[in-house]
């Protein structure tokens, strides 16, 4: 019965993560449409201000006295950089391209973890990175007048992916000694505050007169794509393996491409499809290292348990 309950919990966690990536996949088209009429920093401010308010209400009875505020602010600065470059890049590139390049953050984690946490890098991560870079090259190699615009958008999005990867590495470092919900609240609040400060510095209209459709998009981003999604992610990853999580995260750009095709009428050339496929393949291939390590650890534990002398 315990094993059945554990398996059911894993299935529920995997479904939760899949739902999170479905929601995040939809945000690329949502953001692209909003950027036509709303300044990027205004979008980020309202999105994360709403999320911070909701998370603050949820985390009121958490152990705030055990929180290292420097850790939360550091995570927020990395997350802000990720969203800033991703949103800025989305002005010049398409939703699907943005999503697949953002997905590169998964394979940027191992080298950053090696530099900051002294973690080892397996051969699967190296090969996966090379495969994804070939895919990125195909995406960047575009013919026509829009080539330089796409390159700018893709480059900015790649900077955002690097910032996301750094945030992932720091999450691994900081969550061991901090309550996850208050830490996430500080993180979201830092993004909202930085968005407001930079928006004022760059003379962006931080309080635009939103239409009903724009308010609907802002509320979707703040409530579902930020507060709900990040809360579900943190809870779900406590009950599933890193392999399951890594494979499910690879579905985000796929969902984004589907939404972009049907809702934004994005056209996919054979070169674009090949580039996206290589990036996705590289991301999935990099997860094989985790699978190999987990299988080795499982066999090792079985061997040790079987070799124990009987009492």
C-alpha atoms as a PDB file:
ATOM      1  CA  UNK A   1       0.000   0.000   0.000  1.00  0.00           C
ATOM      2  CA  UNK A   2       2.845   2.376   0.818  1.00  0.00           C
ATOM      3  CA  UNK A   3       4.446   1.741  -2.568  1.00  0.00           C
ATOM      4  CA  UNK A   4       1.123   2.381  -4.362  1.00  0.00           C
ATOM      5  CA  UNK A   5       0.687   5.633  -2.450  1.00  0.00           C
ATOM      6  CA  UNK A   6       4.230   6.671  -3.273  1.00  0.00           C
ATOM      7  CA  UNK A   7       3.740   5.911  -6.985  1.00  0.00           C
ATOM      8  CA  UNK A   8       0.465   7.839  -6.992  1.00  0.00           C
ATOM      9  CA  UNK A   9       2.218  10.814  -5.396  1.00  0.00           C
ATOM     10  CA  UNK A  10       4.933  10.685  -8.082  1.00  0.00           C
ATOM     11  CA  UNK A  11       2.299  10.574 -10.839  1.00  0.00           C
ATOM     12  CA  UNK A  12       0.476  13.562  -9.320  1.00  0.00           C
ATOM     13  CA  UNK A  13       3.774  15.449  -9.066  1.00  0.00           C
ATOM     14  CA  UNK A  14       4.636  14.710 -12.697  1.00  0.00           C
ATOM     15  CA  UNK A  15       1.170  15.874 -13.811  1.00  0.00           C
ATOM     16  CA  UNK A  16       1.631  19.060 -11.747  1.00  0.00           C
ATOM     17  CA  UNK A  17       4.976  19.735 -13.429  1.00  0.00           C
ATOM     18  CA  UNK A  18       3.451  19.071 -16.842  1.00  0.00           C
ATOM     19  CA  UNK A  19       0.695  21.583 -16.034  1.00  0.00           C
ATOM     20  CA  UNK A  20       3.328  24.117 -14.954  1.00  0.00           C
ATOM     21  CA  UNK A  21       5.178  23.742 -18.255  1.00  0.00           C
ATOM     22  CA  UNK A  22       1.908  23.976 -20.198  1.00  0.00           C
ATOM     23  CA  UNK A  23       1.192  27.296 -18.450  1.00  0.00           C
ATOM     24  CA  UNK A  24       4.737  28.564 -19.038  1.00  0.00           C
ATOM     25  CA  UNK A  25       4.507  27.513 -22.686  1.00  0.00           C
ATOM     26  CA  UNK A  26       1.448  29.735 -23.072  1.00  0.00           C
ATOM     27  CA  UNK A  27       3.236  32.766 -21.590  1.00  0.00           C
ATOM     28  CA  UNK A  28       5.423  33.309 -24.659  1.00  0.00           C
ATOM     29  CA  UNK A  29       2.478  34.167 -26.907  1.00  0.00           C
ATOM     30  CA  UNK A  30       0.843  36.113 -24.054  1.00  0.00           C
ATOM     31  CA  UNK A  31       3.989  38.196 -23.540  1.00  0.00           C
ATOM     32  CA  UNK A  32       4.489  38.711 -27.280  1.00  0.00           C
ATOM     33  CA  UNK A  33       0.975  40.121 -27.648  1.00  0.00           C
ATOM     34  CA  UNK A  34       1.333  42.339 -24.559  1.00  0.00           C
ATOM     35  CA  UNK A  35       4.619  43.787 -25.795  1.00  0.00           C
ATOM     36  CA  UNK A  36       2.794  45.350 -28.728  1.00  0.00           C
ATOM     37  CA  UNK A  37       1.174  47.892 -26.395  1.00  0.00           C
ATOM     38  CA  UNK A  38       2.769  47.635 -22.930  1.00  0.00           C
ATOM     39  CA  UNK A  39       6.409  48.461 -21.978  1.00  0.00           C
ATOM     40  CA  UNK A  40       8.398  45.335 -21.004  1.00  0.00           C
ATOM     41  CA  UNK A  41       9.363  46.526 -17.521  1.00  0.00           C
ATOM     42  CA  UNK A  42       5.755  47.475 -16.783  1.00  0.00           C
ATOM     43  CA  UNK A  43       4.690  43.917 -17.641  1.00  0.00           C
ATOM     44  CA  UNK A  44       7.338  42.479 -15.335  1.00  0.00           C
ATOM     45  CA  UNK A  45       6.465  44.861 -12.499  1.00  0.00           C
ATOM     46  CA  UNK A  46       2.744  44.111 -12.495  1.00  0.00           C
ATOM     47  CA  UNK A  47       3.267  40.389 -13.066  1.00  0.00           C
ATOM     48  CA  UNK A  48       5.630  39.989 -10.122  1.00  0.00           C
ATOM     49  CA  UNK A  49       3.861  42.504  -7.868  1.00  0.00           C
ATOM     50  CA  UNK A  50       0.677  40.424  -8.144  1.00  0.00           C
ATOM     51  CA  UNK A  51       2.635  37.200  -7.564  1.00  0.00           C
ATOM     52  CA  UNK A  52       4.450  38.671  -4.542  1.00  0.00           C
ATOM     53  CA  UNK A  53       1.178  39.782  -2.953  1.00  0.00           C
ATOM     54  CA  UNK A  54      -0.370  36.326  -3.359  1.00  0.00           C
ATOM     55  CA  UNK A  55       2.732  34.477  -2.119  1.00  0.00           C
ATOM     56  CA  UNK A  56       2.950  36.826   0.860  1.00  0.00           C
ATOM     57  CA  UNK A  57      -0.599  35.899   1.871  1.00  0.00           C
ATOM     58  CA  UNK A  58       0.151  32.180   1.491  1.00  0.00           C
ATOM     59  CA  UNK A  59       3.443  32.351   3.417  1.00  0.00           C
ATOM     60  CA  UNK A  60       2.272  34.502   6.364  1.00  0.00           C
ATOM     61  CA  UNK A  61       2.584  31.598   8.811  1.00  0.00           C
ATOM     62  CA  UNK A  62       5.883  30.275   7.456  1.00  0.00           C
ATOM     63  CA  UNK A  63       9.153  30.427   9.373  1.00  0.00           C
ATOM     64  CA  UNK A  64      10.287  33.865   8.228  1.00  0.00           C
ATOM     65  CA  UNK A  65      12.798  34.161  11.083  1.00  0.00           C
ATOM     66  CA  UNK A  66      14.871  31.396   9.489  1.00  0.00           C
ATOM     67  CA  UNK A  67      15.184  33.172   6.134  1.00  0.00           C
ATOM     68  CA  UNK A  68      18.437  34.571   4.785  1.00  0.00           C
ATOM     69  CA  UNK A  69      17.242  37.694   2.974  1.00  0.00           C
ATOM     70  CA  UNK A  70      20.517  38.027   1.060  1.00  0.00           C
ATOM     71  CA  UNK A  71      19.861  34.626  -0.528  1.00  0.00           C
ATOM     72  CA  UNK A  72      16.329  35.613  -1.545  1.00  0.00           C
ATOM     73  CA  UNK A  73      17.469  38.929  -3.003  1.00  0.00           C
ATOM     74  CA  UNK A  74      20.300  37.203  -4.891  1.00  0.00           C
ATOM     75  CA  UNK A  75      17.844  34.761  -6.441  1.00  0.00           C
ATOM     76  CA  UNK A  76      15.555  37.664  -7.324  1.00  0.00           C
ATOM     77  CA  UNK A  77      18.360  39.542  -9.077  1.00  0.00           C
ATOM     78  CA  UNK A  78      19.164  36.489 -11.223  1.00  0.00           C
ATOM     79  CA  UNK A  79      15.488  35.887 -11.995  1.00  0.00           C
ATOM     80  CA  UNK A  80      15.027  39.561 -12.884  1.00  0.00           C
ATOM     81  CA  UNK A  81      17.966  39.411 -15.306  1.00  0.00           C
ATOM     82  CA  UNK A  82      16.518  36.253 -16.868  1.00  0.00           C
ATOM     83  CA  UNK A  83      13.060  37.731 -17.399  1.00  0.00           C
ATOM     84  CA  UNK A  84      14.435  41.112 -18.494  1.00  0.00           C
ATOM     85  CA  UNK A  85      16.616  39.671 -21.270  1.00  0.00           C
ATOM     86  CA  UNK A  86      13.969  37.121 -22.270  1.00  0.00           C
ATOM     87  CA  UNK A  87      11.243  39.800 -22.490  1.00  0.00           C
ATOM     88  CA  UNK A  88      13.538  42.243 -24.264  1.00  0.00           C
ATOM     89  CA  UNK A  89      14.579  39.547 -26.728  1.00  0.00           C
ATOM     90  CA  UNK A  90      10.951  38.562 -27.348  1.00  0.00           C
ATOM     91  CA  UNK A  91      10.386  41.995 -28.895  1.00  0.00           C
ATOM     92  CA  UNK A  92      12.682  40.991 -31.781  1.00  0.00           C
ATOM     93  CA  UNK A  93      12.158  37.236 -32.077  1.00  0.00           C
ATOM     94  CA  UNK A  94       9.230  34.822 -32.254  1.00  0.00           C
ATOM     95  CA  UNK A  95       7.564  33.042 -29.294  1.00  0.00           C
ATOM     96  CA  UNK A  96       8.728  29.566 -30.352  1.00  0.00           C
ATOM     97  CA  UNK A  97      12.345  30.638 -30.982  1.00  0.00           C
ATOM     98  CA  UNK A  98      12.379  32.402 -27.619  1.00  0.00           C
ATOM     99  CA  UNK A  99      11.060  29.299 -25.862  1.00  0.00           C
ATOM    100  CA  UNK A 100      13.587  26.871 -27.361  1.00  0.00           C
ATOM    101  CA  UNK A 101      16.537  29.207 -26.689  1.00  0.00           C
ATOM    102  CA  UNK A 102      15.294  29.756 -23.135  1.00  0.00           C
ATOM    103  CA  UNK A 103      15.254  25.966 -22.778  1.00  0.00           C
ATOM    104  CA  UNK A 104      19.035  26.017 -23.163  1.00  0.00           C
ATOM    105  CA  UNK A 105      19.191  27.070 -19.499  1.00  0.00           C
ATOM    106  CA  UNK A 106      18.892  23.350 -18.653  1.00  0.00           C
ATOM    107  CA  UNK A 107      22.203  22.505 -20.326  1.00  0.00           C
ATOM    108  CA  UNK A 108      23.912  25.666 -19.046  1.00  0.00           C
ATOM    109  CA  UNK A 109      23.373  24.524 -15.448  1.00  0.00           C
ATOM    110  CA  UNK A 110      26.177  21.859 -15.323  1.00  0.00           C
ATOM    111  CA  UNK A 111      29.036  24.202 -16.342  1.00  0.00           C
ATOM    112  CA  UNK A 112      27.819  26.897 -13.954  1.00  0.00           C
ATOM    113  CA  UNK A 113      27.431  24.326 -11.163  1.00  0.00           C
ATOM    114  CA  UNK A 114      30.979  23.187 -11.899  1.00  0.00           C
ATOM    115  CA  UNK A 115      32.290  26.744 -11.561  1.00  0.00           C
ATOM    116  CA  UNK A 116      30.252  27.759  -8.494  1.00  0.00           C
ATOM    117  CA  UNK A 117      29.561  24.520  -6.618  1.00  0.00           C
ATOM    118  CA  UNK A 118      32.533  22.428  -7.829  1.00  0.00           C
ATOM    119  CA  UNK A 119      30.109  19.843  -9.218  1.00  0.00           C
ATOM    120  CA  UNK A 120      31.340  17.366 -11.817  1.00  0.00           C
ATOM    121  CA  UNK A 121      30.313  17.531 -15.486  1.00  0.00           C
ATOM    122  CA  UNK A 122      29.347  14.268 -17.176  1.00  0.00           C
ATOM    123  CA  UNK A 123      29.910  13.448 -20.842  1.00  0.00           C
ATOM    124  CA  UNK A 124      26.172  13.505 -21.569  1.00  0.00           C
ATOM    125  CA  UNK A 125      25.994  17.184 -20.599  1.00  0.00           C
ATOM    126  CA  UNK A 126      28.942  17.998 -22.853  1.00  0.00           C
ATOM    127  CA  UNK A 127      27.486  16.149 -25.861  1.00  0.00           C
ATOM    128  CA  UNK A 128      24.018  17.594 -25.171  1.00  0.00           C
ATOM    129  CA  UNK A 129      25.484  21.091 -25.123  1.00  0.00           C
ATOM    130  CA  UNK A 130      27.210  20.554 -28.473  1.00  0.00           C
ATOM    131  CA  UNK A 131      23.997  19.205 -30.062  1.00  0.00           C
ATOM    132  CA  UNK A 132      22.001  22.173 -28.759  1.00  0.00           C
ATOM    133  CA  UNK A 133      24.605  24.653 -30.002  1.00  0.00           C
ATOM    134  CA  UNK A 134      24.235  23.201 -33.502  1.00  0.00           C
ATOM    135  CA  UNK A 135      20.489  23.742 -33.164  1.00  0.00           C
ATOM    136  CA  UNK A 136      21.056  27.317 -31.977  1.00  0.00           C
ATOM    137  CA  UNK A 137      23.275  27.884 -35.022  1.00  0.00           C
ATOM    138  CA  UNK A 138      20.490  26.726 -37.349  1.00  0.00           C
ATOM    139  CA  UNK A 139      18.012  29.059 -35.646  1.00  0.00           C
ATOM    140  CA  UNK A 140      20.410  32.002 -35.920  1.00  0.00           C
ATOM    141  CA  UNK A 141      21.179  31.301 -39.601  1.00  0.00           C
ATOM    142  CA  UNK A 142      18.243  33.062 -41.219  1.00  0.00           C
ATOM    143  CA  UNK A 143      17.941  34.528 -44.695  1.00  0.00           C
ATOM    144  CA  UNK A 144      16.215  37.783 -45.512  1.00  0.00           C
ATOM    145  CA  UNK A 145      15.917  41.276 -44.104  1.00  0.00           C
ATOM    146  CA  UNK A 146      14.925  40.134 -40.614  1.00  0.00           C
ATOM    147  CA  UNK A 147      18.206  38.302 -40.017  1.00  0.00           C
ATOM    148  CA  UNK A 148      19.852  40.991 -37.851  1.00  0.00           C
ATOM    149  CA  UNK A 149      16.641  41.505 -35.858  1.00  0.00           C
ATOM    150  CA  UNK A 150      16.339  37.788 -35.156  1.00  0.00           C
ATOM    151  CA  UNK A 151      20.006  37.624 -34.147  1.00  0.00           C
ATOM    152  CA  UNK A 152      19.535  40.454 -31.645  1.00  0.00           C
ATOM    153  CA  UNK A 153      16.448  38.826 -30.165  1.00  0.00           C
ATOM    154  CA  UNK A 154      18.094  35.403 -30.014  1.00  0.00           C
ATOM    155  CA  UNK A 155      21.238  36.829 -28.375  1.00  0.00           C
ATOM    156  CA  UNK A 156      19.247  38.671 -25.707  1.00  0.00           C
ATOM    157  CA  UNK A 157      17.201  35.515 -25.060  1.00  0.00           C
ATOM    158  CA  UNK A 158      20.412  33.506 -24.704  1.00  0.00           C
ATOM    159  CA  UNK A 159      21.601  35.965 -22.038  1.00  0.00           C
ATOM    160  CA  UNK A 160      18.294  35.387 -20.285  1.00  0.00           C
ATOM    161  CA  UNK A 161      18.811  31.610 -20.444  1.00  0.00           C
ATOM    162  CA  UNK A 162      22.243  32.042 -18.829  1.00  0.00           C
ATOM    163  CA  UNK A 163      20.673  34.096 -16.012  1.00  0.00           C
ATOM    164  CA  UNK A 164      18.001  31.413 -15.486  1.00  0.00           C
ATOM    165  CA  UNK A 165      20.710  28.749 -15.308  1.00  0.00           C
ATOM    166  CA  UNK A 166      22.530  30.758 -12.646  1.00  0.00           C
ATOM    167  CA  UNK A 167      19.274  31.088 -10.712  1.00  0.00           C
ATOM    168  CA  UNK A 168      18.759  27.313 -10.837  1.00  0.00           C
ATOM    169  CA  UNK A 169      22.260  26.718  -9.474  1.00  0.00           C
ATOM    170  CA  UNK A 170      21.759  29.231  -6.663  1.00  0.00           C
ATOM    171  CA  UNK A 171      18.378  27.680  -5.794  1.00  0.00           C
ATOM    172  CA  UNK A 172      20.184  24.385  -5.180  1.00  0.00           C
ATOM    173  CA  UNK A 173      22.624  26.218  -2.927  1.00  0.00           C
ATOM    174  CA  UNK A 174      20.190  28.405  -0.959  1.00  0.00           C
ATOM    175  CA  UNK A 175      17.103  26.196  -0.483  1.00  0.00           C
ATOM    176  CA  UNK A 176      18.974  23.764   1.757  1.00  0.00           C
ATOM    177  CA  UNK A 177      18.968  26.239   4.649  1.00  0.00           C
ATOM    178  CA  UNK A 178      15.843  28.313   3.897  1.00  0.00           C
ATOM    179  CA  UNK A 179      12.070  27.835   3.905  1.00  0.00           C
ATOM    180  CA  UNK A 180      11.071  27.577   0.236  1.00  0.00           C
ATOM    181  CA  UNK A 181       7.875  29.669   0.275  1.00  0.00           C
ATOM    182  CA  UNK A 182       9.227  32.768   2.094  1.00  0.00           C
ATOM    183  CA  UNK A 183      12.394  32.514  -0.022  1.00  0.00           C
ATOM    184  CA  UNK A 184      10.288  32.503  -3.200  1.00  0.00           C
ATOM    185  CA  UNK A 185       8.271  35.483  -1.888  1.00  0.00           C
ATOM    186  CA  UNK A 186      11.437  37.537  -1.358  1.00  0.00           C
ATOM    187  CA  UNK A 187      12.658  36.422  -4.781  1.00  0.00           C
ATOM    188  CA  UNK A 188       9.445  37.559  -6.513  1.00  0.00           C
ATOM    189  CA  UNK A 189       9.371  40.805  -4.544  1.00  0.00           C
ATOM    190  CA  UNK A 190      12.930  41.583  -5.629  1.00  0.00           C
ATOM    191  CA  UNK A 191      11.970  41.115  -9.288  1.00  0.00           C
ATOM    192  CA  UNK A 192       8.971  43.448  -8.857  1.00  0.00           C
ATOM    193  CA  UNK A 193      11.070  46.110  -7.103  1.00  0.00           C
ATOM    194  CA  UNK A 194      13.889  45.983  -9.667  1.00  0.00           C
ATOM    195  CA  UNK A 195      11.372  46.161 -12.518  1.00  0.00           C
ATOM    196  CA  UNK A 196       9.844  49.287 -10.974  1.00  0.00           C
ATOM    197  CA  UNK A 197      13.223  50.966 -10.360  1.00  0.00           C
ATOM    198  CA  UNK A 198      14.599  50.224 -13.846  1.00  0.00           C
ATOM    199  CA  UNK A 199      11.282  51.164 -15.439  1.00  0.00           C
ATOM    200  CA  UNK A 200      11.402  54.593 -13.796  1.00  0.00           C
ATOM    201  CA  UNK A 201      15.087  55.031 -14.714  1.00  0.00           C
ATOM    202  CA  UNK A 202      14.370  54.225 -18.369  1.00  0.00           C
ATOM    203  CA  UNK A 203      11.266  56.448 -18.392  1.00  0.00           C
ATOM    204  CA  UNK A 204       8.823  53.638 -19.138  1.00  0.00           C
ATOM    205  CA  UNK A 205       5.163  54.113 -18.296  1.00  0.00           C
ATOM    206  CA  UNK A 206       4.802  51.844 -15.256  1.00  0.00           C
ATOM    207  CA  UNK A 207       1.090  52.549 -14.791  1.00  0.00           C
ATOM    208  CA  UNK A 208      -0.361  52.309 -18.296  1.00  0.00           C
ATOM    209  CA  UNK A 209      -4.104  52.350 -18.842  1.00  0.00           C
ATOM    210  CA  UNK A 210      -4.647  48.642 -19.418  1.00  0.00           C
ATOM    211  CA  UNK A 211      -7.529  47.446 -21.541  1.00  0.00           C
ATOM    212  CA  UNK A 212      -9.688  44.563 -20.350  1.00  0.00           C
ATOM    213  CA  UNK A 213      -7.742  42.108 -22.541  1.00  0.00           C
ATOM    214  CA  UNK A 214      -4.401  43.428 -21.254  1.00  0.00           C
ATOM    215  CA  UNK A 215      -5.553  43.128 -17.635  1.00  0.00           C
ATOM    216  CA  UNK A 216      -6.607  39.555 -18.362  1.00  0.00           C
ATOM    217  CA  UNK A 217      -3.121  38.769 -19.683  1.00  0.00           C
ATOM    218  CA  UNK A 218      -1.405  40.487 -16.730  1.00  0.00           C
ATOM    219  CA  UNK A 219      -3.549  38.581 -14.212  1.00  0.00           C
ATOM    220  CA  UNK A 220      -2.868  35.287 -16.028  1.00  0.00           C
ATOM    221  CA  UNK A 221       0.873  35.970 -15.871  1.00  0.00           C
ATOM    222  CA  UNK A 222       0.848  37.070 -12.227  1.00  0.00           C
ATOM    223  CA  UNK A 223      -1.567  34.525 -10.741  1.00  0.00           C
ATOM    224  CA  UNK A 224      -1.182  31.388 -12.847  1.00  0.00           C
ATOM    225  CA  UNK A 225       2.206  31.659 -14.590  1.00  0.00           C
ATOM    226  CA  UNK A 226       4.083  33.008 -11.563  1.00  0.00           C
ATOM    227  CA  UNK A 227       2.472  32.545  -8.135  1.00  0.00           C
ATOM    228  CA  UNK A 228       0.699  29.249  -8.879  1.00  0.00           C
ATOM    229  CA  UNK A 229       3.335  27.805 -11.232  1.00  0.00           C
ATOM    230  CA  UNK A 230       6.326  28.452  -8.962  1.00  0.00           C
ATOM    231  CA  UNK A 231       4.446  27.113  -5.922  1.00  0.00           C
ATOM    232  CA  UNK A 232       3.413  23.946  -7.802  1.00  0.00           C
ATOM    233  CA  UNK A 233       6.956  23.493  -9.084  1.00  0.00           C
ATOM    234  CA  UNK A 234       8.554  23.647  -5.649  1.00  0.00           C
ATOM    235  CA  UNK A 235       6.009  21.271  -4.108  1.00  0.00           C
ATOM    236  CA  UNK A 236       6.044  18.808  -7.010  1.00  0.00           C
ATOM    237  CA  UNK A 237       9.833  18.530  -7.158  1.00  0.00           C
ATOM    238  CA  UNK A 238       9.885  17.294  -3.564  1.00  0.00           C
ATOM    239  CA  UNK A 239       8.085  14.122  -4.646  1.00  0.00           C
ATOM    240  CA  UNK A 240       9.604  13.321  -8.028  1.00  0.00           C
ATOM    241  CA  UNK A 241      13.089  12.617  -9.333  1.00  0.00           C
ATOM    242  CA  UNK A 242      15.346  15.136 -11.038  1.00  0.00           C
ATOM    243  CA  UNK A 243      15.148  12.961 -14.175  1.00  0.00           C
ATOM    244  CA  UNK A 244      11.365  13.227 -14.332  1.00  0.00           C
ATOM    245  CA  UNK A 245      11.562  16.973 -13.693  1.00  0.00           C
ATOM    246  CA  UNK A 246      14.266  17.533 -16.329  1.00  0.00           C
ATOM    247  CA  UNK A 247      12.383  15.585 -18.983  1.00  0.00           C
ATOM    248  CA  UNK A 248       9.101  17.348 -18.209  1.00  0.00           C
ATOM    249  CA  UNK A 249      10.777  20.782 -18.322  1.00  0.00           C
ATOM    250  CA  UNK A 250      11.818  19.971 -21.889  1.00  0.00           C
ATOM    251  CA  UNK A 251       8.105  20.064 -22.803  1.00  0.00           C
ATOM    252  CA  UNK A 252       7.862  23.839 -22.201  1.00  0.00           C
ATOM    253  CA  UNK A 253       9.276  24.921 -25.600  1.00  0.00           C
ATOM    254  CA  UNK A 254       7.144  22.257 -27.308  1.00  0.00           C
ATOM    255  CA  UNK A 255       3.996  23.695 -25.714  1.00  0.00           C
ATOM    256  CA  UNK A 256       5.194  27.194 -26.626  1.00  0.00           C
ATOM    257  CA  UNK A 257       5.635  26.177 -30.270  1.00  0.00           C
ATOM    258  CA  UNK A 258       2.117  24.689 -30.352  1.00  0.00           C
ATOM    259  CA  UNK A 259       0.576  27.829 -28.837  1.00  0.00           C
ATOM    260  CA  UNK A 260       2.625  30.030 -31.166  1.00  0.00           C
ATOM    261  CA  UNK A 261       1.501  28.089 -34.244  1.00  0.00           C
ATOM    262  CA  UNK A 262      -2.216  28.140 -33.414  1.00  0.00           C
ATOM    263  CA  UNK A 263      -2.586  31.457 -31.560  1.00  0.00           C
ATOM    264  CA  UNK A 264       0.150  33.623 -33.124  1.00  0.00           C
ATOM    265  CA  UNK A 265       0.221  31.969 -36.576  1.00  0.00           C
ATOM    266  CA  UNK A 266       3.994  31.548 -36.433  1.00  0.00           C
ATOM    267  CA  UNK A 267       5.430  29.961 -39.582  1.00  0.00           C
ATOM    268  CA  UNK A 268       8.067  27.252 -39.230  1.00  0.00           C
ATOM    269  CA  UNK A 269      10.664  26.753 -41.961  1.00  0.00           C
ATOM    270  CA  UNK A 270      12.480  23.400 -42.268  1.00  0.00           C
ATOM    271  CA  UNK A 271      15.624  25.077 -40.878  1.00  0.00           C
ATOM    272  CA  UNK A 272      13.729  26.424 -37.877  1.00  0.00           C
ATOM    273  CA  UNK A 273      12.160  23.026 -37.182  1.00  0.00           C
ATOM    274  CA  UNK A 274      15.582  21.338 -37.441  1.00  0.00           C
ATOM    275  CA  UNK A 275      17.138  23.901 -35.077  1.00  0.00           C
ATOM    276  CA  UNK A 276      14.349  23.492 -32.511  1.00  0.00           C
ATOM    277  CA  UNK A 277      14.586  19.688 -32.774  1.00  0.00           C
ATOM    278  CA  UNK A 278      18.358  19.751 -32.168  1.00  0.00           C
ATOM    279  CA  UNK A 279      17.983  22.049 -29.152  1.00  0.00           C
ATOM    280  CA  UNK A 280      15.280  19.798 -27.693  1.00  0.00           C
ATOM    281  CA  UNK A 281      17.366  16.706 -28.477  1.00  0.00           C
ATOM    282  CA  UNK A 282      20.404  18.216 -26.757  1.00  0.00           C
ATOM    283  CA  UNK A 283      18.349  19.052 -23.673  1.00  0.00           C
ATOM    284  CA  UNK A 284      16.951  15.517 -23.486  1.00  0.00           C
ATOM    285  CA  UNK A 285      20.350  13.934 -24.141  1.00  0.00           C
ATOM    286  CA  UNK A 286      21.894  15.915 -21.288  1.00  0.00           C
ATOM    287  CA  UNK A 287      19.357  14.276 -18.947  1.00  0.00           C
ATOM    288  CA  UNK A 288      20.765  10.832 -19.757  1.00  0.00           C
ATOM    289  CA  UNK A 289      23.674  11.583 -17.432  1.00  0.00           C
ATOM    290  CA  UNK A 290      21.245  11.924 -14.525  1.00  0.00           C
ATOM    291  CA  UNK A 291      19.527   8.706 -15.581  1.00  0.00           C
ATOM    292  CA  UNK A 292      22.861   6.882 -15.707  1.00  0.00           C
ATOM    293  CA  UNK A 293      23.919   8.215 -12.305  1.00  0.00           C
ATOM    294  CA  UNK A 294      20.591   7.301 -10.708  1.00  0.00           C
ATOM    295  CA  UNK A 295      20.696   3.772 -12.160  1.00  0.00           C
ATOM    296  CA  UNK A 296      24.237   3.329 -10.830  1.00  0.00           C
ATOM    297  CA  UNK A 297      23.226   4.575  -7.383  1.00  0.00           C
ATOM    298  CA  UNK A 298      20.183   2.267  -7.341  1.00  0.00           C
ATOM    299  CA  UNK A 299      22.232  -0.798  -8.289  1.00  0.00           C
ATOM    300  CA  UNK A 300      24.842   0.149  -5.717  1.00  0.00           C
ATOM    301  CA  UNK A 301      22.244   0.431  -2.945  1.00  0.00           C
ATOM    302  CA  UNK A 302      20.675  -2.908  -3.952  1.00  0.00           C
ATOM    303  CA  UNK A 303      24.096  -4.574  -3.907  1.00  0.00           C
ATOM    304  CA  UNK A 304      24.856  -3.125  -0.478  1.00  0.00           C
ATOM    305  CA  UNK A 305      21.517  -4.216   0.953  1.00  0.00           C
ATOM    306  CA  UNK A 306      21.916  -7.736  -0.424  1.00  0.00           C
ATOM    307  CA  UNK A 307      25.467  -8.033   0.894  1.00  0.00           C
ATOM    308  CA  UNK A 308      24.498  -7.228   4.505  1.00  0.00           C
ATOM    309  CA  UNK A 309      24.981 -10.194   6.852  1.00  0.00           C
ATOM    310  CA  UNK A 310      21.757 -11.712   8.149  1.00  0.00           C
ATOM    311  CA  UNK A 311      20.930 -11.172  11.817  1.00  0.00           C
END
